[in-house]
Amino acid sequence: MGWQTISRLVRRVNASIALIAPPSLTQLVLRIGLATPFWRSGINKWDGFLQLNDTAIFLFSTEFKLHLPGGPYSFPAPEATAFLVGSAEILFPILLVLGLVTRLAASALLVMTLVVELTVPDGWPVHITWAAMALGIMAWGPGGLSLDHWFRFEQREWSAERQ
């Protein structure tokens, strides 16, 4: 079997795989994959509309610590921090799934991932997958199955240049 035969075979396999995983579907699944853990965490922080539960406040007051040099350190203003984090964990996943201001939502979840990593350093194998998903969304955008695409919020030249 010659090099040209192997090359043709690889191209055919790649073309078949591309049919199974078109970029727009892949980007949608990536957005849902990143949104899910944050949504699940956020939904568990609330007892009702704008009502944080006691567990969320307790965690930010006593359990969660930032593992920085010289630390660990408590979170500042634990009730306000819990409220902001709980709100962000609901808002940004919704925006991601809808594909609305997608790059901003992914950027926010990347920052949150970095803070989570500082809070739970042993969770890095999971956190690095969240960071990879966020970076992928930031780099390649929301894809065609998104409100950003529908409202034409994405600059075509920017998106096409990166693909």
C-alpha atoms as a PDB file:
ATOM      1  CA  MET A   1       0.000   0.000   0.000  1.00  0.00           C
ATOM      2  CA  GLY A   2       1.579   3.258  -1.149  1.00  0.00           C
ATOM      3  CA  TRP A   3       1.632   6.680   0.446  1.00  0.00           C
ATOM      4  CA  GLN A   4      -1.022   8.027  -1.957  1.00  0.00           C
ATOM      5  CA  THR A   5      -3.378   5.156  -1.089  1.00  0.00           C
ATOM      6  CA  ILE A   6      -2.969   5.832   2.639  1.00  0.00           C
ATOM      7  CA  SER A   7      -3.478   9.538   2.037  1.00  0.00           C
ATOM      8  CA  ARG A   8      -6.740   8.914   0.128  1.00  0.00           C
ATOM      9  CA  LEU A   9      -7.968   6.565   2.849  1.00  0.00           C
ATOM     10  CA  VAL A  10      -7.242   9.111   5.584  1.00  0.00           C
ATOM     11  CA  ARG A  11      -9.033  11.857   3.598  1.00  0.00           C
ATOM     12  CA  ARG A  12     -12.109   9.617   3.175  1.00  0.00           C
ATOM     13  CA  VAL A  13     -12.180   8.763   6.875  1.00  0.00           C
ATOM     14  CA  ASN A  14     -11.790  12.444   7.777  1.00  0.00           C
ATOM     15  CA  ALA A  15     -14.621  13.398   5.402  1.00  0.00           C
ATOM     16  CA  SER A  16     -16.890  10.775   7.007  1.00  0.00           C
ATOM     17  CA  ILE A  17     -16.065  12.053  10.479  1.00  0.00           C
ATOM     18  CA  ALA A  18     -16.741  15.647   9.376  1.00  0.00           C
ATOM     19  CA  LEU A  19     -20.262  14.576   8.325  1.00  0.00           C
ATOM     20  CA  ILE A  20     -20.912  13.179  11.805  1.00  0.00           C
ATOM     21  CA  ALA A  21     -19.500  16.217  13.628  1.00  0.00           C
ATOM     22  CA  PRO A  22     -20.292  19.417  11.707  1.00  0.00           C
ATOM     23  CA  PRO A  23     -18.834  22.545  13.360  1.00  0.00           C
ATOM     24  CA  SER A  24     -22.203  24.064  14.316  1.00  0.00           C
ATOM     25  CA  LEU A  25     -23.330  20.897  16.093  1.00  0.00           C
ATOM     26  CA  THR A  26     -19.947  20.513  17.754  1.00  0.00           C
ATOM     27  CA  GLN A  27     -20.027  24.109  18.998  1.00  0.00           C
ATOM     28  CA  LEU A  28     -23.580  23.640  20.354  1.00  0.00           C
ATOM     29  CA  VAL A  29     -22.564  20.491  22.237  1.00  0.00           C
ATOM     30  CA  LEU A  30     -19.484  22.284  23.556  1.00  0.00           C
ATOM     31  CA  ARG A  31     -21.656  25.153  24.842  1.00  0.00           C
ATOM     32  CA  ILE A  32     -24.070  22.729  26.528  1.00  0.00           C
ATOM     33  CA  GLY A  33     -21.163  20.758  28.008  1.00  0.00           C
ATOM     34  CA  LEU A  34     -19.673  23.860  29.618  1.00  0.00           C
ATOM     35  CA  ALA A  35     -23.038  25.224  30.765  1.00  0.00           C
ATOM     36  CA  THR A  36     -24.158  22.047  32.536  1.00  0.00           C
ATOM     37  CA  PRO A  37     -21.853  21.917  35.588  1.00  0.00           C
ATOM     38  CA  PHE A  38     -22.265  25.623  36.283  1.00  0.00           C
ATOM     39  CA  TRP A  39     -26.064  25.453  35.909  1.00  0.00           C
ATOM     40  CA  ARG A  40     -26.249  22.450  38.230  1.00  0.00           C
ATOM     41  CA  SER A  41     -24.113  24.222  40.817  1.00  0.00           C
ATOM     42  CA  GLY A  42     -26.081  27.461  40.499  1.00  0.00           C
ATOM     43  CA  ILE A  43     -29.518  25.892  40.728  1.00  0.00           C
ATOM     44  CA  ASN A  44     -28.536  24.300  44.054  1.00  0.00           C
ATOM     45  CA  LYS A  45     -27.776  27.698  45.612  1.00  0.00           C
ATOM     46  CA  TRP A  46     -31.346  29.032  45.462  1.00  0.00           C
ATOM     47  CA  ASP A  47     -34.554  28.445  47.452  1.00  0.00           C
ATOM     48  CA  GLY A  48     -36.633  30.719  45.258  1.00  0.00           C
ATOM     49  CA  PHE A  49     -36.392  33.780  43.040  1.00  0.00           C
ATOM     50  CA  LEU A  50     -33.425  35.823  44.329  1.00  0.00           C
ATOM     51  CA  GLN A  51     -33.469  33.827  47.596  1.00  0.00           C
ATOM     52  CA  LEU A  52     -30.144  32.204  48.367  1.00  0.00           C
ATOM     53  CA  ASN A  53     -30.369  29.096  50.484  1.00  0.00           C
ATOM     54  CA  ASP A  54     -28.576  28.799  53.816  1.00  0.00           C
ATOM     55  CA  THR A  55     -26.196  26.158  52.462  1.00  0.00           C
ATOM     56  CA  ALA A  56     -24.781  28.523  49.828  1.00  0.00           C
ATOM     57  CA  ILE A  57     -24.168  31.238  52.412  1.00  0.00           C
ATOM     58  CA  PHE A  58     -22.648  28.692  54.819  1.00  0.00           C
ATOM     59  CA  LEU A  59     -20.272  27.362  52.156  1.00  0.00           C
ATOM     60  CA  PHE A  60     -18.993  30.816  51.219  1.00  0.00           C
ATOM     61  CA  SER A  61     -18.791  31.859  54.886  1.00  0.00           C
ATOM     62  CA  THR A  62     -16.941  28.879  56.312  1.00  0.00           C
ATOM     63  CA  GLU A  63     -16.045  26.082  53.869  1.00  0.00           C
ATOM     64  CA  PHE A  64     -14.807  27.721  50.672  1.00  0.00           C
ATOM     65  CA  LYS A  65     -11.326  29.229  50.867  1.00  0.00           C
ATOM     66  CA  LEU A  66      -9.045  30.753  48.253  1.00  0.00           C
ATOM     67  CA  HIS A  67      -5.782  28.816  48.162  1.00  0.00           C
ATOM     68  CA  LEU A  68      -3.332  31.578  47.379  1.00  0.00           C
ATOM     69  CA  PRO A  69       0.265  31.978  48.594  1.00  0.00           C
ATOM     70  CA  GLY A  70       0.208  32.676  52.327  1.00  0.00           C
ATOM     71  CA  GLY A  71      -3.393  31.415  52.563  1.00  0.00           C
ATOM     72  CA  PRO A  72      -5.913  29.936  52.449  1.00  0.00           C
ATOM     73  CA  TYR A  73      -8.070  33.048  52.640  1.00  0.00           C
ATOM     74  CA  SER A  74     -11.810  33.429  53.225  1.00  0.00           C
ATOM     75  CA  PHE A  75     -13.973  34.873  50.485  1.00  0.00           C
ATOM     76  CA  PRO A  76     -14.709  38.574  51.021  1.00  0.00           C
ATOM     77  CA  ALA A  77     -18.339  39.476  51.810  1.00  0.00           C
ATOM     78  CA  PRO A  78     -19.526  35.848  51.751  1.00  0.00           C
ATOM     79  CA  GLU A  79     -23.241  36.599  51.337  1.00  0.00           C
ATOM     80  CA  ALA A  80     -22.643  39.008  48.456  1.00  0.00           C
ATOM     81  CA  THR A  81     -20.114  36.635  46.892  1.00  0.00           C
ATOM     82  CA  ALA A  82     -22.564  33.712  47.152  1.00  0.00           C
ATOM     83  CA  PHE A  83     -25.293  35.855  45.568  1.00  0.00           C
ATOM     84  CA  LEU A  84     -23.057  36.975  42.688  1.00  0.00           C
ATOM     85  CA  VAL A  85     -21.691  33.480  42.063  1.00  0.00           C
ATOM     86  CA  GLY A  86     -25.149  31.896  42.261  1.00  0.00           C
ATOM     87  CA  SER A  87     -26.518  34.492  39.833  1.00  0.00           C
ATOM     88  CA  ALA A  88     -23.608  34.046  37.416  1.00  0.00           C
ATOM     89  CA  GLU A  89     -23.986  30.255  37.544  1.00  0.00           C
ATOM     90  CA  ILE A  90     -27.555  30.654  36.310  1.00  0.00           C
ATOM     91  CA  LEU A  91     -27.176  33.562  33.860  1.00  0.00           C
ATOM     92  CA  PHE A  92     -24.029  32.549  31.950  1.00  0.00           C
ATOM     93  CA  PRO A  93     -25.097  28.936  31.270  1.00  0.00           C
ATOM     94  CA  ILE A  94     -28.434  30.185  29.904  1.00  0.00           C
ATOM     95  CA  LEU A  95     -26.599  32.609  27.607  1.00  0.00           C
ATOM     96  CA  LEU A  96     -24.229  29.831  26.515  1.00  0.00           C
ATOM     97  CA  VAL A  97     -26.984  27.369  25.637  1.00  0.00           C
ATOM     98  CA  LEU A  98     -28.876  30.048  23.721  1.00  0.00           C
ATOM     99  CA  GLY A  99     -25.654  31.129  22.045  1.00  0.00           C
ATOM    100  CA  LEU A 100     -26.241  34.748  23.042  1.00  0.00           C
ATOM    101  CA  VAL A 101     -23.179  36.926  23.800  1.00  0.00           C
ATOM    102  CA  THR A 102     -21.474  33.571  23.783  1.00  0.00           C
ATOM    103  CA  ARG A 103     -17.851  34.645  23.905  1.00  0.00           C
ATOM    104  CA  LEU A 104     -18.577  36.911  26.889  1.00  0.00           C
ATOM    105  CA  ALA A 105     -20.411  34.094  28.712  1.00  0.00           C
ATOM    106  CA  ALA A 106     -17.563  31.661  28.026  1.00  0.00           C
ATOM    107  CA  SER A 107     -15.029  34.242  29.224  1.00  0.00           C
ATOM    108  CA  ALA A 108     -16.975  34.739  32.456  1.00  0.00           C
ATOM    109  CA  LEU A 109     -17.131  30.976  33.040  1.00  0.00           C
ATOM    110  CA  LEU A 110     -13.389  30.725  32.378  1.00  0.00           C
ATOM    111  CA  VAL A 111     -12.760  33.308  35.114  1.00  0.00           C
ATOM    112  CA  MET A 112     -15.130  31.410  37.405  1.00  0.00           C
ATOM    113  CA  THR A 113     -13.263  28.192  36.595  1.00  0.00           C
ATOM    114  CA  LEU A 114      -9.995  29.810  37.645  1.00  0.00           C
ATOM    115  CA  VAL A 115     -11.556  30.890  40.967  1.00  0.00           C
ATOM    116  CA  VAL A 116     -13.015  27.390  41.455  1.00  0.00           C
ATOM    117  CA  GLU A 117      -9.544  25.970  40.861  1.00  0.00           C
ATOM    118  CA  LEU A 118      -8.151  28.293  43.550  1.00  0.00           C
ATOM    119  CA  THR A 119     -10.941  27.107  45.863  1.00  0.00           C
ATOM    120  CA  VAL A 120     -10.685  23.370  45.123  1.00  0.00           C
ATOM    121  CA  PRO A 121      -7.133  22.792  43.856  1.00  0.00           C
ATOM    122  CA  ASP A 122      -7.489  19.007  43.810  1.00  0.00           C
ATOM    123  CA  GLY A 123     -10.242  19.329  41.199  1.00  0.00           C
ATOM    124  CA  TRP A 124      -7.856  20.380  38.443  1.00  0.00           C
ATOM    125  CA  PRO A 125      -8.573  17.391  36.145  1.00  0.00           C
ATOM    126  CA  VAL A 126     -12.201  18.521  35.856  1.00  0.00           C
ATOM    127  CA  HIS A 127     -11.402  22.225  35.912  1.00  0.00           C
ATOM    128  CA  ILE A 128      -8.966  21.932  33.020  1.00  0.00           C
ATOM    129  CA  THR A 129     -11.729  20.391  30.873  1.00  0.00           C
ATOM    130  CA  TRP A 130     -14.001  23.328  31.726  1.00  0.00           C
ATOM    131  CA  ALA A 131     -11.184  25.739  30.832  1.00  0.00           C
ATOM    132  CA  ALA A 132     -10.572  23.909  27.539  1.00  0.00           C
ATOM    133  CA  MET A 133     -14.265  24.121  26.627  1.00  0.00           C
ATOM    134  CA  ALA A 134     -14.416  27.823  27.534  1.00  0.00           C
ATOM    135  CA  LEU A 135     -11.271  28.582  25.523  1.00  0.00           C
ATOM    136  CA  GLY A 136     -12.636  26.639  22.536  1.00  0.00           C
ATOM    137  CA  ILE A 137     -15.867  28.633  22.617  1.00  0.00           C
ATOM    138  CA  MET A 138     -13.941  31.883  23.013  1.00  0.00           C
ATOM    139  CA  ALA A 139     -11.675  31.000  20.071  1.00  0.00           C
ATOM    140  CA  TRP A 140     -14.212  29.598  17.596  1.00  0.00           C
ATOM    141  CA  GLY A 141     -17.409  31.303  18.722  1.00  0.00           C
ATOM    142  CA  PRO A 142     -20.910  29.958  19.142  1.00  0.00           C
ATOM    143  CA  GLY A 143     -21.388  28.371  15.721  1.00  0.00           C
ATOM    144  CA  GLY A 144     -24.368  28.530  13.399  1.00  0.00           C
ATOM    145  CA  LEU A 145     -26.848  27.076  15.910  1.00  0.00           C
ATOM    146  CA  SER A 146     -26.887  30.194  18.083  1.00  0.00           C
ATOM    147  CA  LEU A 147     -28.694  33.471  18.588  1.00  0.00           C
ATOM    148  CA  ASP A 148     -25.395  35.286  18.034  1.00  0.00           C
ATOM    149  CA  HIS A 149     -25.319  33.816  14.537  1.00  0.00           C
ATOM    150  CA  TRP A 150     -29.005  34.507  13.937  1.00  0.00           C
ATOM    151  CA  PHE A 151     -28.723  38.143  15.132  1.00  0.00           C
ATOM    152  CA  ARG A 152     -25.395  38.423  13.272  1.00  0.00           C
ATOM    153  CA  PHE A 153     -23.512  39.433  16.419  1.00  0.00           C
ATOM    154  CA  GLU A 154     -20.509  37.450  15.238  1.00  0.00           C
ATOM    155  CA  GLN A 155     -18.245  39.106  12.696  1.00  0.00           C
ATOM    156  CA  ARG A 156     -17.966  36.715   9.783  1.00  0.00           C
ATOM    157  CA  GLU A 157     -14.406  37.751   8.940  1.00  0.00           C
ATOM    158  CA  TRP A 158     -13.267  37.069  12.534  1.00  0.00           C
ATOM    159  CA  SER A 159     -14.988  33.689  12.705  1.00  0.00           C
ATOM    160  CA  ALA A 160     -13.919  32.562   9.223  1.00  0.00           C
ATOM    161  CA  GLU A 161     -10.336  33.622   9.863  1.00  0.00           C
ATOM    162  CA  ARG A 162     -10.107  31.276  12.876  1.00  0.00           C
ATOM    163  CA  GLN A 163     -11.648  28.186  11.297  1.00  0.00           C
END
